Amino acid sequence: MKENKAHQIAHSPKYKELVTKRSRFGWTLTAAMLLVYYGYICLVAFNKEFLAQPIGQGVTTLSIPFGIGVILFTIIVTGIYVRRANNEFDRLTAEIIKENT
């Protein structure tokens, strides 16, 4: 009985929609995160002079705000995913469960 339900759910159009949307969105955010992270790492590796420029008269360099930016970007991307998961993906999951109970 449970195998029949699993088969039925796996072939449901809403389930396929959920899997496609979630995968596409996850890979898009992953690509954005990798671009930002490795962009920062490439700046550190290949353009140290740029990141070593002091900000104002202090000892803080450009690398500090860039590094903080990478961390903030990570938090923002996580928040974007959680918000969409809680709204759209959870709604689709609830519809799939409702149709198959």
Protein backbone atom coordinates (compact mmCIF):
# COMPACT_ATOMS: atom_id res chain seq x y z
CA MET A 1 0.00 0.00 0.00
CA LYS A 2 2.76 2.48 0.94
CA GLU A 3 4.71 1.72 -2.25
CA ASN A 4 1.61 2.53 -4.28
CA LYS A 5 1.25 5.89 -2.48
CA ALA A 6 4.93 6.69 -3.00
CA HIS A 7 4.62 5.83 -6.69
CA GLN A 8 1.46 7.93 -6.97
CA ILE A 9 3.13 10.93 -5.30
CA ALA A 10 6.32 10.58 -7.35
CA HIS A 11 4.30 10.77 -10.56
CA SER A 12 2.10 13.64 -9.43
CA PRO A 13 2.45 16.82 -11.54
CA LYS A 14 2.58 18.96 -8.39
CA TYR A 15 5.39 16.85 -6.95
CA LYS A 16 7.35 17.19 -10.18
CA GLU A 17 6.71 20.94 -10.10
CA LEU A 18 7.93 21.12 -6.50
CA VAL A 19 11.11 19.17 -7.26
CA THR A 20 11.86 21.24 -10.36
CA LYS A 21 11.26 24.62 -8.71
CA ARG A 22 13.17 23.71 -5.56
CA SER A 23 16.13 22.30 -7.47
CA ARG A 24 16.35 25.22 -9.90
CA PHE A 25 16.10 27.76 -7.10
CA GLY A 26 18.64 25.94 -4.94
CA TRP A 27 21.16 25.70 -7.78
CA THR A 28 20.66 29.37 -8.66
CA LEU A 29 21.39 30.46 -5.10
CA THR A 30 24.32 28.06 -4.93
CA ALA A 31 25.80 29.56 -8.11
CA ALA A 32 25.36 33.08 -6.73
CA MET A 33 27.02 32.11 -3.45
CA LEU A 34 29.94 30.40 -5.20
CA LEU A 35 30.41 33.44 -7.44
CA VAL A 36 30.55 35.81 -4.48
CA TYR A 37 32.76 33.56 -2.34
CA TYR A 38 35.24 32.61 -5.04
CA GLY A 39 35.21 36.17 -6.35
CA TYR A 40 36.41 37.31 -2.95
CA ILE A 41 39.00 34.53 -2.78
CA CYS A 42 40.27 35.48 -6.26
CA LEU A 43 40.58 39.10 -5.15
CA VAL A 44 42.63 37.96 -2.17
CA ALA A 45 44.81 35.76 -4.36
CA PHE A 46 45.30 37.96 -7.40
CA ASN A 47 44.70 41.58 -6.36
CA LYS A 48 46.08 41.99 -2.86
CA GLU A 49 46.99 45.61 -3.55
CA PHE A 50 43.35 46.52 -4.13
CA LEU A 51 42.17 44.89 -0.91
CA ALA A 52 45.12 46.31 1.05
CA GLN A 53 44.01 49.91 0.44
CA PRO A 54 43.24 51.61 3.73
CA ILE A 55 39.84 53.12 4.33
CA GLY A 56 40.25 56.72 5.42
CA GLN A 57 43.04 57.44 7.90
CA GLY A 58 42.62 54.25 9.93
CA VAL A 59 44.22 50.85 9.68
CA THR A 60 41.13 49.11 8.31
CA THR A 61 41.53 47.99 4.70
CA LEU A 62 38.99 47.27 1.97
CA SER A 63 39.26 43.55 2.69
CA ILE A 64 37.30 43.93 5.93
CA PRO A 65 34.09 45.35 4.40
CA PHE A 66 34.39 42.93 1.47
CA GLY A 67 34.71 39.99 3.87
CA ILE A 68 31.77 41.23 5.93
CA GLY A 69 29.86 41.60 2.66
CA VAL A 70 30.45 37.93 1.84
CA ILE A 71 29.16 36.92 5.27
CA LEU A 72 26.10 39.18 4.95
CA PHE A 73 25.43 37.86 1.45
CA THR A 74 25.43 34.33 2.87
CA ILE A 75 22.89 35.31 5.52
CA ILE A 76 20.70 37.08 2.95
CA VAL A 77 20.78 34.12 0.55
CA THR A 78 19.83 31.79 3.39
CA GLY A 79 16.95 34.08 4.35
CA ILE A 80 15.72 34.22 0.75
CA TYR A 81 15.71 30.43 0.52
CA VAL A 82 13.96 29.98 3.86
CA ARG A 83 11.29 32.53 2.97
CA ARG A 84 10.52 30.87 -0.35
CA ALA A 85 10.62 27.41 1.22
CA ASN A 86 8.20 28.47 3.95
CA ASN A 87 5.79 30.03 1.47
CA GLU A 88 5.83 28.38 -1.94
CA PHE A 89 7.49 25.02 -1.28
CA ASP A 90 5.52 24.30 1.90
CA ARG A 91 2.28 25.23 0.13
CA LEU A 92 3.04 22.81 -2.71
CA THR A 93 3.97 20.10 -0.20
CA ALA A 94 0.68 20.61 1.66
CA GLU A 95 -1.26 20.38 -1.62
CA ILE A 96 0.52 17.14 -2.52
CA ILE A 97 -0.25 15.65 0.89
CA LYS A 98 -3.88 16.78 0.70
CA GLU A 99 -4.33 15.20 -2.75
CA ASN A 100 -2.80 11.91 -1.67
CA THR A 101 -4.44 11.27 1.71
